[in-house]
C-alpha atoms as a PDB file:
ATOM      1  CA  GLU A   1     -83.825 -20.663  39.707  1.00  0.00           C
ATOM      2  CA  TYR A   2     -86.307 -17.622  38.322  1.00  0.00           C
ATOM      3  CA  THR A   3     -86.367 -14.390  38.944  1.00  0.00           C
ATOM      4  CA  ALA A   4     -89.467 -11.891  38.546  1.00  0.00           C
ATOM      5  CA  ILE A   5     -87.276  -9.380  36.609  1.00  0.00           C
ATOM      6  CA  GLY A   6     -89.153  -9.080  32.844  1.00  0.00           C
ATOM      7  CA  ASP A   7     -89.518  -6.253  31.391  1.00  0.00           C
ATOM      8  CA  THR A   8     -92.327  -4.512  32.812  1.00  0.00           C
ATOM      9  CA  VAL A   9     -90.603  -4.835  36.307  1.00  0.00           C
ATOM     10  CA  ASN A  10     -86.792  -3.464  34.713  1.00  0.00           C
ATOM     11  CA  LEU A  11     -88.349  -0.550  32.727  1.00  0.00           C
ATOM     12  CA  ALA A  12     -90.016   0.313  35.742  1.00  0.00           C
ATOM     13  CA  SER A  13     -86.730   0.110  37.878  1.00  0.00           C
ATOM     14  CA  ARG A  14     -85.371   2.369  34.753  1.00  0.00           C
ATOM     15  CA  ILE A  15     -87.921   4.891  35.133  1.00  0.00           C
ATOM     16  CA  GLU A  16     -87.394   5.421  38.663  1.00  0.00           C
ATOM     17  CA  GLY A  17     -83.611   5.299  37.988  1.00  0.00           C
ATOM     18  CA  LYS A  18     -84.234   8.405  36.183  1.00  0.00           C
ATOM     19  CA  THR A  19     -86.132  10.281  38.561  1.00  0.00           C
ATOM     20  CA  LYS A  20     -82.686  12.544  39.836  1.00  0.00           C
ATOM     21  CA  GLU A  21     -81.963  13.081  36.266  1.00  0.00           C
ATOM     22  CA  THR A  22     -85.248  15.017  35.543  1.00  0.00           C
ATOM     23  CA  GLY A  23     -85.498  16.532  39.420  1.00  0.00           C
ATOM     24  CA  CYS A  24     -88.739  14.516  39.601  1.00  0.00           C
ATOM     25  CA  THR A  25     -90.182  12.856  42.883  1.00  0.00           C
ATOM     26  CA  ILE A  26     -92.475  10.743  40.852  1.00  0.00           C
ATOM     27  CA  LEU A  27     -92.122   9.389  37.308  1.00  0.00           C
ATOM     28  CA  ALA A  28     -94.632   7.138  35.671  1.00  0.00           C
ATOM     29  CA  SER A  29     -94.885   5.402  32.428  1.00  0.00           C
ATOM     30  CA  ASP A  30     -98.097   6.567  30.475  1.00  0.00           C
ATOM     31  CA  ALA A  31     -99.244   2.645  30.081  1.00  0.00           C
ATOM     32  CA  VAL A  32     -99.292   3.052  34.636  1.00  0.00           C
ATOM     33  CA  LEU A  33    -101.335   6.751  34.465  1.00  0.00           C
ATOM     34  CA  ALA A  34    -103.734   5.042  32.345  1.00  0.00           C
ATOM     35  CA  ALA A  35    -104.092   2.374  34.685  1.00  0.00           C
ATOM     36  CA  ALA A  36    -104.089   4.891  37.792  1.00  0.00           C
ATOM     37  CA  GLY A  37    -106.927   7.130  35.733  1.00  0.00           C
ATOM     38  CA  ASP A  38    -108.178   9.690  38.002  1.00  0.00           C
ATOM     39  CA  CYS A  39    -105.972   8.955  40.933  1.00  0.00           C
ATOM     40  CA  ALA A  40    -102.805  10.513  39.640  1.00  0.00           C
ATOM     41  CA  VAL A  41    -102.279  13.884  37.996  1.00  0.00           C
ATOM     42  CA  ALA A  42     -99.562  14.104  35.003  1.00  0.00           C
ATOM     43  CA  GLY A  43     -97.274  16.898  34.845  1.00  0.00           C
ATOM     44  CA  ALA A  44     -94.501  17.027  32.742  1.00  0.00           C
ATOM     45  CA  HIS A  45     -93.273  15.218  29.849  1.00  0.00           C
ATOM     46  CA  HIS A  46     -90.386  13.170  29.836  1.00  0.00           C
ATOM     47  CA  ARG A  47     -88.381  11.218  27.003  1.00  0.00           C
ATOM     48  CA  LEU A  48     -85.771   8.895  28.547  1.00  0.00           C
ATOM     49  CA  THR A  49     -83.564   7.007  26.691  1.00  0.00           C
ATOM     50  CA  VAL A  50     -82.813   3.621  29.095  1.00  0.00           C
ATOM     51  CA  LYS A  51     -80.835   0.739  29.036  1.00  0.00           C
ATOM     52  CA  GLY A  52     -82.494  -1.955  27.292  1.00  0.00           C
ATOM     53  CA  ARG A  53     -84.452   0.125  25.133  1.00  0.00           C
ATOM     54  CA  LEU A  54     -83.549   1.208  21.533  1.00  0.00           C
ATOM     55  CA  GLN A  55     -86.418   3.933  21.520  1.00  0.00           C
ATOM     56  CA  PRO A  56     -86.938   6.193  23.714  1.00  0.00           C
ATOM     57  CA  VAL A  57     -90.083   6.095  26.892  1.00  0.00           C
ATOM     58  CA  ASP A  58     -92.360   8.793  27.372  1.00  0.00           C
ATOM     59  CA  ALA A  59     -92.704   9.569  31.403  1.00  0.00           C
ATOM     60  CA  TYR A  60     -94.452  12.118  33.028  1.00  0.00           C
ATOM     61  CA  GLU A  61     -94.319  13.375  36.288  1.00  0.00           C
ATOM     62  CA  VAL A  62     -97.130  12.309  38.657  1.00  0.00           C
ATOM     63  CA  VAL A  63     -97.422  15.684  40.483  1.00  0.00           C
ATOM     64  CA  ASP A  64    -100.424  15.474  42.590  1.00  0.00           C
ATOM     65  CA  ALA A  65    -101.177  11.352  43.054  1.00  0.00           C
ATOM     66  CA  ALA A  66    -101.823  11.745  46.824  1.00  0.00           C
ATOM     67  CA  LYS A  67    -105.309  14.477  45.685  1.00  0.00           C
ATOM     68  CA  ALA A  68    -106.241  12.751  43.429  1.00  0.00           C
ATOM     69  CA  ALA A  69    -106.535   9.384  45.352  1.00  0.00           C
ATOM     70  CA  ALA A  70    -108.099  11.067  48.333  1.00  0.00           C
ATOM     71  CA  ASP A  71    -110.865  13.172  45.494  1.00  0.00           C
ATOM     72  CA  ALA A  72    -111.327   9.723  43.969  1.00  0.00           C
ATOM     73  CA  ALA A  73    -111.944   8.204  47.923  1.00  0.00           C
ATOM     74  CA  ALA A  74    -114.571  10.711  48.597  1.00  0.00           C
ATOM     75  CA  THR A  75    -116.563  10.305  46.146  1.00  0.00           C
ATOM     76  CA  THR A  76    -116.635   6.469  46.322  1.00  0.00           C
ATOM     77  CA  ILE A  77    -117.291   7.258  50.064  1.00  0.00           C
ATOM     78  CA  SER A  78    -120.192   9.968  49.082  1.00  0.00           C
ATOM     79  CA  ALA A  79    -121.866   7.007  46.771  1.00  0.00           C
ATOM     80  CA  ALA A  80    -121.779   4.674  49.255  1.00  0.00           C
ATOM     81  CA  THR A  81    -123.438   6.840  51.838  1.00  0.00           C
ATOM     82  CA  ILE A  82    -126.263   7.570  49.068  1.00  0.00           C
ATOM     83  CA  ASP A  83    -126.377   3.652  48.664  1.00  0.00           C
ATOM     84  CA  ASP A  84    -126.819   2.920  52.306  1.00  0.00           C
ATOM     85  CA  GLU A  85    -129.707   5.641  52.879  1.00  0.00           C
ATOM     86  CA  GLU A  86    -131.917   4.561  50.219  1.00  0.00           C
END
């Protein structure tokens, strides 16, 4: 029997589990923030000790993902409107 639990999924679960400890609503790894680009605004930096890792993991509070995503969507809509008018 196979499961979807791999290192990435395990780490995501461990980081999510630290939200109460850090007082953050959303925590994300630096890799997730890099992938999100302008769609997420990072806040406080946390070095987390997580089970299964020898070294601490860097994670950041996500403070305004909704606004950043809305701004990105508005930019996309504006660009699409300009393309349609040409």
